[in-house]
N, C-alpha and C. Protein backbone atom coordinates (compact mmCIF):
# COMPACT_ATOMS: atom_id res chain seq x y z
N MET A 1 -1.27 -17.89 -11.93
CA MET A 1 -1.74 -18.31 -10.63
C MET A 1 -2.42 -17.14 -9.94
N ASN A 2 -3.50 -17.41 -9.28
CA ASN A 2 -4.20 -16.39 -8.50
C ASN A 2 -4.51 -16.96 -7.12
N ILE A 3 -4.41 -16.10 -6.14
CA ILE A 3 -4.89 -16.46 -4.81
C ILE A 3 -6.31 -15.92 -4.79
N LYS A 4 -7.25 -16.80 -4.99
CA LYS A 4 -8.65 -16.42 -5.24
C LYS A 4 -9.32 -15.73 -4.07
N GLU A 5 -10.54 -15.30 -4.35
CA GLU A 5 -11.35 -14.61 -3.36
C GLU A 5 -11.96 -15.63 -2.40
N PHE A 6 -11.17 -16.06 -1.48
CA PHE A 6 -11.66 -16.94 -0.44
C PHE A 6 -10.87 -16.64 0.82
N LYS A 7 -11.34 -17.13 1.92
CA LYS A 7 -10.76 -16.73 3.19
C LYS A 7 -9.99 -17.88 3.85
N ASN A 8 -9.41 -18.77 3.03
CA ASN A 8 -8.75 -19.92 3.64
C ASN A 8 -7.46 -19.57 4.38
N PHE A 9 -6.94 -18.37 4.21
CA PHE A 9 -5.77 -17.94 4.97
C PHE A 9 -6.14 -16.95 6.06
N ARG A 10 -7.38 -16.56 6.14
CA ARG A 10 -7.84 -15.58 7.13
C ARG A 10 -7.57 -16.12 8.54
N ASN A 11 -7.03 -15.28 9.39
CA ASN A 11 -6.69 -15.65 10.77
C ASN A 11 -5.58 -16.69 10.87
N TYR A 12 -4.94 -16.99 9.78
CA TYR A 12 -3.88 -18.00 9.77
C TYR A 12 -2.69 -17.49 10.57
N GLU A 13 -1.96 -18.36 11.22
CA GLU A 13 -0.85 -17.98 12.09
C GLU A 13 0.44 -17.72 11.33
N LEU A 14 0.38 -16.96 10.26
CA LEU A 14 1.56 -16.62 9.46
C LEU A 14 2.34 -15.49 10.11
N THR A 15 3.67 -15.56 10.03
CA THR A 15 4.50 -14.43 10.46
C THR A 15 5.23 -13.83 9.26
N SER A 16 5.45 -14.63 8.23
CA SER A 16 6.14 -14.20 7.02
C SER A 16 5.46 -14.87 5.84
N LEU A 17 5.45 -14.19 4.71
CA LEU A 17 4.72 -14.70 3.56
C LEU A 17 5.47 -14.35 2.28
N VAL A 18 5.67 -15.35 1.42
CA VAL A 18 6.23 -15.13 0.09
C VAL A 18 5.14 -15.53 -0.90
N ILE A 19 4.61 -14.54 -1.60
CA ILE A 19 3.59 -14.82 -2.61
C ILE A 19 4.31 -15.45 -3.81
N PRO A 20 3.83 -16.59 -4.32
CA PRO A 20 4.53 -17.29 -5.40
C PRO A 20 4.64 -16.46 -6.69
N GLN A 21 5.75 -16.66 -7.39
CA GLN A 21 5.92 -16.05 -8.71
C GLN A 21 4.76 -16.48 -9.60
N ASN A 22 4.42 -15.68 -10.56
CA ASN A 22 3.33 -15.89 -11.51
C ASN A 22 1.95 -15.61 -10.92
N THR A 23 1.87 -15.22 -9.64
CA THR A 23 0.59 -14.83 -9.06
C THR A 23 0.23 -13.46 -9.62
N LYS A 24 -0.96 -13.34 -10.15
CA LYS A 24 -1.40 -12.07 -10.73
C LYS A 24 -2.38 -11.33 -9.83
N ILE A 25 -3.16 -12.06 -9.06
CA ILE A 25 -4.19 -11.44 -8.22
C ILE A 25 -4.16 -12.04 -6.82
N ILE A 26 -4.17 -11.19 -5.82
CA ILE A 26 -4.44 -11.63 -4.46
C ILE A 26 -5.88 -11.24 -4.21
N GLY A 27 -6.75 -12.22 -4.05
CA GLY A 27 -8.18 -11.99 -3.97
C GLY A 27 -8.64 -11.32 -2.69
N ASP A 28 -9.90 -10.95 -2.69
CA ASP A 28 -10.52 -10.26 -1.56
C ASP A 28 -10.40 -11.08 -0.28
N CYS A 29 -9.98 -10.42 0.78
CA CYS A 29 -9.90 -11.00 2.14
C CYS A 29 -8.92 -12.16 2.27
N ALA A 30 -8.06 -12.38 1.30
CA ALA A 30 -7.20 -13.57 1.28
C ALA A 30 -6.37 -13.75 2.55
N PHE A 31 -5.77 -12.68 3.06
CA PHE A 31 -4.92 -12.78 4.24
C PHE A 31 -5.38 -11.85 5.35
N GLY A 32 -6.62 -11.42 5.30
CA GLY A 32 -7.17 -10.54 6.34
C GLY A 32 -7.09 -11.18 7.71
N ASP A 33 -6.86 -10.36 8.72
CA ASP A 33 -6.81 -10.81 10.12
C ASP A 33 -5.65 -11.75 10.43
N CYS A 34 -4.62 -11.77 9.61
CA CYS A 34 -3.41 -12.52 9.96
C CYS A 34 -2.60 -11.60 10.86
N VAL A 35 -3.00 -11.52 12.11
CA VAL A 35 -2.47 -10.50 13.03
C VAL A 35 -0.99 -10.67 13.36
N ASN A 36 -0.40 -11.83 13.11
CA ASN A 36 1.02 -12.05 13.40
C ASN A 36 1.92 -11.84 12.18
N LEU A 37 1.31 -11.57 11.02
CA LEU A 37 2.08 -11.39 9.80
C LEU A 37 2.91 -10.10 9.87
N LYS A 38 4.24 -10.24 9.73
CA LYS A 38 5.13 -9.07 9.83
C LYS A 38 5.66 -8.62 8.48
N ASN A 39 5.92 -9.56 7.57
CA ASN A 39 6.43 -9.14 6.27
C ASN A 39 5.90 -10.03 5.15
N VAL A 40 5.80 -9.40 3.97
CA VAL A 40 5.28 -10.06 2.79
C VAL A 40 6.21 -9.75 1.63
N SER A 41 6.51 -10.75 0.85
CA SER A 41 7.29 -10.57 -0.37
C SER A 41 6.34 -10.74 -1.56
N PHE A 42 6.26 -9.69 -2.38
CA PHE A 42 5.34 -9.70 -3.51
C PHE A 42 6.09 -10.00 -4.80
N PRO A 43 5.54 -10.86 -5.68
CA PRO A 43 6.21 -11.15 -6.94
C PRO A 43 6.02 -10.01 -7.95
N ASP A 44 6.91 -9.91 -8.90
CA ASP A 44 6.79 -8.88 -9.94
C ASP A 44 5.55 -9.08 -10.80
N SER A 45 5.06 -10.30 -10.88
CA SER A 45 3.89 -10.63 -11.72
C SER A 45 2.57 -10.10 -11.16
N LEU A 46 2.53 -9.73 -9.89
CA LEU A 46 1.28 -9.32 -9.23
C LEU A 46 0.71 -8.06 -9.87
N LYS A 47 -0.60 -8.11 -10.22
CA LYS A 47 -1.26 -6.96 -10.85
C LYS A 47 -2.30 -6.31 -9.94
N ILE A 48 -2.95 -7.10 -9.08
CA ILE A 48 -4.02 -6.58 -8.24
C ILE A 48 -3.91 -7.13 -6.82
N VAL A 49 -3.99 -6.22 -5.84
CA VAL A 49 -4.16 -6.62 -4.45
C VAL A 49 -5.63 -6.34 -4.15
N GLY A 50 -6.41 -7.39 -3.89
CA GLY A 50 -7.86 -7.30 -3.75
C GLY A 50 -8.34 -6.60 -2.49
N LYS A 51 -9.65 -6.40 -2.44
CA LYS A 51 -10.31 -5.74 -1.30
C LYS A 51 -9.99 -6.47 0.00
N SER A 52 -9.55 -5.71 0.98
CA SER A 52 -9.28 -6.23 2.33
C SER A 52 -8.30 -7.41 2.34
N ALA A 53 -7.47 -7.51 1.32
CA ALA A 53 -6.56 -8.65 1.20
C ALA A 53 -5.65 -8.82 2.42
N PHE A 54 -5.20 -7.69 2.99
CA PHE A 54 -4.34 -7.73 4.17
C PHE A 54 -4.93 -6.89 5.30
N ASN A 55 -6.22 -6.69 5.29
CA ASN A 55 -6.92 -5.91 6.31
C ASN A 55 -6.68 -6.52 7.70
N TYR A 56 -6.40 -5.69 8.67
CA TYR A 56 -6.16 -6.12 10.06
C TYR A 56 -4.94 -7.02 10.22
N CYS A 57 -3.93 -6.86 9.38
CA CYS A 57 -2.65 -7.53 9.61
C CYS A 57 -1.88 -6.58 10.52
N GLU A 58 -2.22 -6.62 11.78
CA GLU A 58 -1.81 -5.59 12.74
C GLU A 58 -0.31 -5.46 12.93
N ARG A 59 0.47 -6.50 12.66
CA ARG A 59 1.92 -6.44 12.88
C ARG A 59 2.72 -6.24 11.60
N LEU A 60 2.03 -6.12 10.47
CA LEU A 60 2.72 -5.89 9.20
C LEU A 60 3.45 -4.56 9.26
N GLU A 61 4.78 -4.57 9.05
CA GLU A 61 5.61 -3.38 9.27
C GLU A 61 5.95 -2.61 8.01
N SER A 62 6.10 -3.30 6.89
CA SER A 62 6.41 -2.58 5.65
C SER A 62 5.96 -3.40 4.46
N ILE A 63 5.68 -2.69 3.38
CA ILE A 63 5.37 -3.35 2.11
C ILE A 63 6.24 -2.71 1.05
N GLU A 64 6.79 -3.55 0.21
CA GLU A 64 7.67 -3.04 -0.85
C GLU A 64 7.46 -3.86 -2.10
N PHE A 65 7.25 -3.15 -3.19
CA PHE A 65 7.14 -3.78 -4.51
C PHE A 65 8.39 -3.42 -5.29
N SER A 66 8.91 -4.33 -6.04
CA SER A 66 10.14 -4.07 -6.78
C SER A 66 9.87 -3.09 -7.92
N PRO A 67 10.92 -2.44 -8.42
CA PRO A 67 10.75 -1.53 -9.56
C PRO A 67 10.23 -2.24 -10.80
N LEU A 68 10.41 -3.55 -10.87
CA LEU A 68 9.95 -4.33 -12.03
C LEU A 68 8.51 -4.81 -11.88
N SER A 69 7.87 -4.47 -10.77
CA SER A 69 6.51 -4.92 -10.49
C SER A 69 5.53 -4.48 -11.57
N LYS A 70 4.54 -5.33 -11.81
CA LYS A 70 3.47 -5.03 -12.76
C LYS A 70 2.19 -4.60 -12.04
N LEU A 71 2.28 -4.31 -10.76
CA LEU A 71 1.11 -3.95 -9.96
C LEU A 71 0.37 -2.76 -10.56
N LYS A 72 -0.93 -2.92 -10.76
CA LYS A 72 -1.77 -1.86 -11.33
C LYS A 72 -2.72 -1.26 -10.30
N LYS A 73 -3.23 -2.10 -9.39
CA LYS A 73 -4.31 -1.64 -8.51
C LYS A 73 -4.16 -2.19 -7.10
N ILE A 74 -4.33 -1.28 -6.13
CA ILE A 74 -4.48 -1.67 -4.73
C ILE A 74 -5.92 -1.35 -4.38
N ASP A 75 -6.71 -2.38 -4.17
CA ASP A 75 -8.15 -2.22 -4.00
C ASP A 75 -8.51 -1.69 -2.61
N GLU A 76 -9.78 -1.37 -2.44
CA GLU A 76 -10.23 -0.74 -1.20
C GLU A 76 -9.96 -1.62 0.03
N PHE A 77 -9.50 -0.96 1.08
CA PHE A 77 -9.20 -1.57 2.37
C PHE A 77 -8.09 -2.62 2.31
N ALA A 78 -7.34 -2.70 1.21
CA ALA A 78 -6.34 -3.76 1.02
C ALA A 78 -5.36 -3.86 2.19
N PHE A 79 -4.85 -2.73 2.66
CA PHE A 79 -3.90 -2.71 3.78
C PHE A 79 -4.45 -1.91 4.95
N SER A 80 -5.74 -1.71 5.01
CA SER A 80 -6.29 -0.88 6.10
C SER A 80 -6.14 -1.59 7.44
N LYS A 81 -5.98 -0.79 8.45
CA LYS A 81 -5.85 -1.26 9.83
C LYS A 81 -4.63 -2.16 10.02
N CYS A 82 -3.61 -1.90 9.23
CA CYS A 82 -2.29 -2.51 9.46
C CYS A 82 -1.59 -1.52 10.38
N PHE A 83 -1.87 -1.63 11.66
CA PHE A 83 -1.50 -0.61 12.64
C PHE A 83 0.00 -0.43 12.82
N SER A 84 0.81 -1.41 12.43
CA SER A 84 2.26 -1.31 12.59
C SER A 84 2.98 -0.91 11.30
N LEU A 85 2.22 -0.71 10.23
CA LEU A 85 2.82 -0.39 8.93
C LEU A 85 3.51 0.97 9.00
N LYS A 86 4.84 0.96 8.78
CA LYS A 86 5.63 2.19 8.87
C LYS A 86 6.08 2.69 7.51
N THR A 87 6.29 1.76 6.57
CA THR A 87 6.83 2.12 5.26
C THR A 87 6.03 1.43 4.16
N ALA A 88 5.70 2.18 3.12
CA ALA A 88 5.06 1.62 1.94
C ALA A 88 5.81 2.12 0.71
N ILE A 89 6.36 1.18 -0.06
CA ILE A 89 7.09 1.52 -1.27
C ILE A 89 6.30 0.96 -2.44
N LEU A 90 5.74 1.86 -3.23
CA LEU A 90 4.85 1.48 -4.33
C LEU A 90 5.60 1.56 -5.66
N PRO A 91 5.25 0.69 -6.61
CA PRO A 91 6.00 0.64 -7.87
C PRO A 91 5.55 1.70 -8.88
N TYR A 92 6.39 1.88 -9.90
CA TYR A 92 6.08 2.81 -10.99
C TYR A 92 4.81 2.41 -11.73
N SER A 93 4.52 1.13 -11.75
CA SER A 93 3.40 0.61 -12.54
C SER A 93 2.02 0.91 -11.94
N ILE A 94 1.96 1.32 -10.68
CA ILE A 94 0.66 1.50 -10.00
C ILE A 94 -0.20 2.54 -10.73
N GLU A 95 -1.47 2.18 -10.94
CA GLU A 95 -2.40 3.07 -11.64
C GLU A 95 -3.56 3.52 -10.75
N ARG A 96 -3.95 2.69 -9.80
CA ARG A 96 -5.11 3.01 -8.96
C ARG A 96 -4.87 2.63 -7.50
N ILE A 97 -5.22 3.55 -6.61
CA ILE A 97 -5.24 3.26 -5.18
C ILE A 97 -6.64 3.59 -4.72
N GLU A 98 -7.37 2.59 -4.29
CA GLU A 98 -8.79 2.72 -4.00
C GLU A 98 -9.08 3.16 -2.56
N LYS A 99 -10.36 3.28 -2.26
CA LYS A 99 -10.89 3.74 -0.98
C LYS A 99 -10.23 3.05 0.21
N GLN A 100 -9.66 3.84 1.10
CA GLN A 100 -9.03 3.39 2.34
C GLN A 100 -8.07 2.23 2.15
N ALA A 101 -7.40 2.20 1.01
CA ALA A 101 -6.41 1.14 0.77
C ALA A 101 -5.38 1.09 1.90
N PHE A 102 -5.05 2.27 2.44
CA PHE A 102 -4.13 2.36 3.57
C PHE A 102 -4.81 3.05 4.75
N GLY A 103 -6.12 2.94 4.83
CA GLY A 103 -6.88 3.60 5.89
C GLY A 103 -6.48 3.12 7.27
N GLN A 104 -6.32 4.07 8.16
CA GLN A 104 -6.02 3.82 9.57
C GLN A 104 -4.69 3.09 9.77
N CYS A 105 -3.75 3.32 8.88
CA CYS A 105 -2.38 2.85 9.09
C CYS A 105 -1.68 3.99 9.84
N PHE A 106 -1.98 4.09 11.12
CA PHE A 106 -1.59 5.24 11.93
C PHE A 106 -0.08 5.43 12.01
N GLU A 107 0.69 4.36 11.88
CA GLU A 107 2.15 4.44 12.01
C GLU A 107 2.87 4.68 10.69
N LEU A 108 2.13 4.79 9.59
CA LEU A 108 2.76 5.00 8.29
C LEU A 108 3.51 6.32 8.29
N LYS A 109 4.83 6.25 8.25
CA LYS A 109 5.66 7.45 8.31
C LYS A 109 6.34 7.76 7.00
N LYS A 110 6.62 6.72 6.22
CA LYS A 110 7.37 6.91 4.98
C LYS A 110 6.60 6.29 3.83
N LEU A 111 6.30 7.10 2.83
CA LEU A 111 5.54 6.67 1.66
C LEU A 111 6.38 6.99 0.43
N ILE A 112 6.74 5.98 -0.33
CA ILE A 112 7.51 6.17 -1.55
C ILE A 112 6.63 5.71 -2.71
N MET A 113 6.42 6.63 -3.66
CA MET A 113 5.47 6.34 -4.73
C MET A 113 5.80 7.15 -5.98
N PRO A 114 5.33 6.67 -7.13
CA PRO A 114 5.52 7.49 -8.33
C PRO A 114 4.62 8.72 -8.23
N GLU A 115 5.07 9.82 -8.79
CA GLU A 115 4.27 11.04 -8.69
C GLU A 115 2.98 10.92 -9.49
N LYS A 116 3.05 10.30 -10.63
CA LYS A 116 1.87 10.26 -11.50
C LYS A 116 1.17 8.92 -11.39
N ILE A 117 0.06 8.94 -10.69
CA ILE A 117 -0.80 7.77 -10.55
C ILE A 117 -2.13 8.18 -11.14
N GLY A 118 -2.71 7.32 -11.97
CA GLY A 118 -3.95 7.67 -12.65
C GLY A 118 -5.09 8.05 -11.72
N PHE A 119 -5.25 7.30 -10.61
CA PHE A 119 -6.41 7.54 -9.74
C PHE A 119 -6.05 7.19 -8.30
N ILE A 120 -6.28 8.14 -7.41
CA ILE A 120 -6.17 7.88 -5.97
C ILE A 120 -7.48 8.31 -5.35
N GLU A 121 -8.19 7.37 -4.74
CA GLU A 121 -9.44 7.70 -4.06
C GLU A 121 -9.15 8.70 -2.94
N LYS A 122 -10.06 9.64 -2.75
CA LYS A 122 -9.84 10.74 -1.81
C LYS A 122 -9.45 10.27 -0.41
N ASP A 123 -10.03 9.21 0.11
CA ASP A 123 -9.70 8.75 1.46
C ASP A 123 -8.80 7.51 1.47
N ALA A 124 -8.00 7.34 0.44
CA ALA A 124 -7.11 6.18 0.34
C ALA A 124 -6.15 6.09 1.52
N PHE A 125 -5.77 7.25 2.07
CA PHE A 125 -4.81 7.29 3.18
C PHE A 125 -5.46 7.83 4.44
N LEU A 126 -6.74 7.61 4.61
CA LEU A 126 -7.48 8.13 5.76
C LEU A 126 -6.83 7.71 7.08
N GLY A 127 -6.52 8.68 7.91
CA GLY A 127 -5.94 8.40 9.21
C GLY A 127 -4.43 8.23 9.22
N CYS A 128 -3.79 8.34 8.06
CA CYS A 128 -2.34 8.21 7.99
C CYS A 128 -1.67 9.52 8.39
N HIS A 129 -0.48 9.43 8.95
CA HIS A 129 0.28 10.60 9.39
C HIS A 129 1.69 10.55 8.82
N PRO A 130 1.85 10.53 7.50
CA PRO A 130 3.21 10.40 6.97
C PRO A 130 4.07 11.61 7.31
N LYS A 131 5.33 11.35 7.61
CA LYS A 131 6.28 12.43 7.85
C LYS A 131 7.18 12.61 6.63
N GLN A 132 7.25 11.59 5.80
CA GLN A 132 8.12 11.67 4.64
C GLN A 132 7.42 11.05 3.44
N ILE A 133 7.35 11.82 2.36
CA ILE A 133 6.81 11.31 1.10
C ILE A 133 7.90 11.49 0.06
N LEU A 134 8.28 10.40 -0.58
CA LEU A 134 9.29 10.45 -1.62
C LEU A 134 8.62 10.10 -2.94
N TYR A 135 8.83 10.94 -3.93
CA TYR A 135 8.28 10.69 -5.25
C TYR A 135 9.34 10.08 -6.15
N LYS A 136 8.96 9.07 -6.91
CA LYS A 136 9.86 8.46 -7.87
C LYS A 136 9.76 9.22 -9.19
N ASN A 137 10.10 10.48 -9.16
CA ASN A 137 10.03 11.33 -10.34
C ASN A 137 10.79 12.60 -10.01
N LYS A 138 11.19 13.34 -10.98
CA LYS A 138 11.95 14.55 -10.68
C LYS A 138 11.11 15.82 -10.74
N GLU A 139 9.82 15.70 -10.96
CA GLU A 139 8.96 16.87 -11.04
C GLU A 139 7.96 16.89 -9.90
N PHE A 140 7.65 18.08 -9.42
CA PHE A 140 6.67 18.25 -8.35
C PHE A 140 5.32 18.71 -8.87
N SER A 141 5.06 18.58 -10.13
CA SER A 141 3.87 19.19 -10.72
C SER A 141 2.56 18.74 -10.08
N ASN A 142 2.54 17.59 -9.45
CA ASN A 142 1.29 17.05 -8.92
C ASN A 142 1.23 17.07 -7.39
N ILE A 143 2.19 17.72 -6.72
CA ILE A 143 2.28 17.64 -5.26
C ILE A 143 1.05 18.19 -4.56
N ASN A 144 0.51 19.31 -5.02
CA ASN A 144 -0.65 19.89 -4.35
C ASN A 144 -1.87 18.99 -4.46
N LYS A 145 -2.06 18.38 -5.62
CA LYS A 145 -3.17 17.45 -5.78
C LYS A 145 -3.02 16.27 -4.83
N PHE A 146 -1.80 15.74 -4.71
CA PHE A 146 -1.58 14.61 -3.81
C PHE A 146 -1.86 14.99 -2.37
N LEU A 147 -1.45 16.16 -1.95
CA LEU A 147 -1.65 16.57 -0.56
C LEU A 147 -3.12 16.71 -0.19
N GLU A 148 -4.00 16.83 -1.17
CA GLU A 148 -5.44 16.88 -0.90
C GLU A 148 -5.92 15.60 -0.23
N TYR A 149 -5.18 14.51 -0.37
CA TYR A 149 -5.61 13.23 0.20
C TYR A 149 -5.35 13.12 1.69
N PHE A 150 -4.71 14.12 2.27
CA PHE A 150 -4.43 14.12 3.69
C PHE A 150 -5.17 15.27 4.35
N GLU A 151 -5.62 15.04 5.56
CA GLU A 151 -6.33 16.08 6.31
C GLU A 151 -5.38 17.23 6.62
N GLU A 152 -5.93 18.44 6.80
CA GLU A 152 -5.12 19.63 6.99
C GLU A 152 -4.06 19.48 8.07
N GLU A 153 -4.44 18.98 9.25
CA GLU A 153 -3.46 18.87 10.33
C GLU A 153 -2.34 17.90 9.99
N LYS A 154 -2.61 16.91 9.14
CA LYS A 154 -1.58 15.96 8.74
C LYS A 154 -0.57 16.62 7.82
N LYS A 155 -1.04 17.51 6.94
CA LYS A 155 -0.14 18.19 6.00
C LYS A 155 0.92 18.99 6.75
N GLU A 156 0.52 19.60 7.84
CA GLU A 156 1.44 20.43 8.61
C GLU A 156 2.54 19.61 9.26
N LYS A 157 2.33 18.31 9.48
CA LYS A 157 3.31 17.45 10.14
C LYS A 157 4.33 16.86 9.16
N LEU A 158 4.11 17.05 7.86
CA LEU A 158 5.06 16.52 6.90
C LEU A 158 6.42 17.18 7.09
N GLU A 159 7.44 16.38 7.27
CA GLU A 159 8.78 16.91 7.49
C GLU A 159 9.60 16.92 6.22
N ASP A 160 9.28 16.03 5.30
CA ASP A 160 10.15 15.87 4.15
C ASP A 160 9.34 15.38 2.96
N ILE A 161 9.40 16.14 1.88
CA ILE A 161 8.81 15.71 0.61
C ILE A 161 9.90 15.90 -0.42
N GLU A 162 10.27 14.84 -1.09
CA GLU A 162 11.31 15.00 -2.10
C GLU A 162 11.05 14.08 -3.28
N CYS A 163 11.65 14.44 -4.39
CA CYS A 163 11.53 13.64 -5.60
C CYS A 163 12.88 13.05 -5.94
N PHE A 164 12.87 11.93 -6.64
CA PHE A 164 14.09 11.39 -7.17
C PHE A 164 13.75 10.70 -8.48
N GLU A 165 14.71 10.59 -9.35
CA GLU A 165 14.49 9.99 -10.64
C GLU A 165 14.44 8.47 -10.55
N LYS A 166 13.81 7.86 -11.55
CA LYS A 166 13.76 6.40 -11.62
C LYS A 166 15.15 5.83 -11.62
């Protein structure tokens, strides 16, 4: 099952959303501008979150993918301008985070992600001010490369960076 690239849910008055099991793709702009959406449950089967899929979901507070998730790609602007987003928990399976995927998520304070991701676009976290980054790995070998994705003044505000094993 795929939620195709159409805007039939755009501006919809959703407050909570459970993406059905067996969904592999959330298409471009699928839930953009759902300004009342606060939480989303993602199935383990999901592989791609499309361009601007949740763009301008202003009240979305956190996103979490299970450790069993098959998510490979978060496309450009997928969660951009989710102004209330405070926590993002990304799965081990993630391979690509595209341009401004989390752009202008000004309230993003806690980011949990695997240390080794194949590709992160340079401005994937543009405008974010994380205070805590947790790596799902026990090695810090890639920390300096990851910090390049944040502007200099943002790096100085980081209060906590730690790793933990799977």
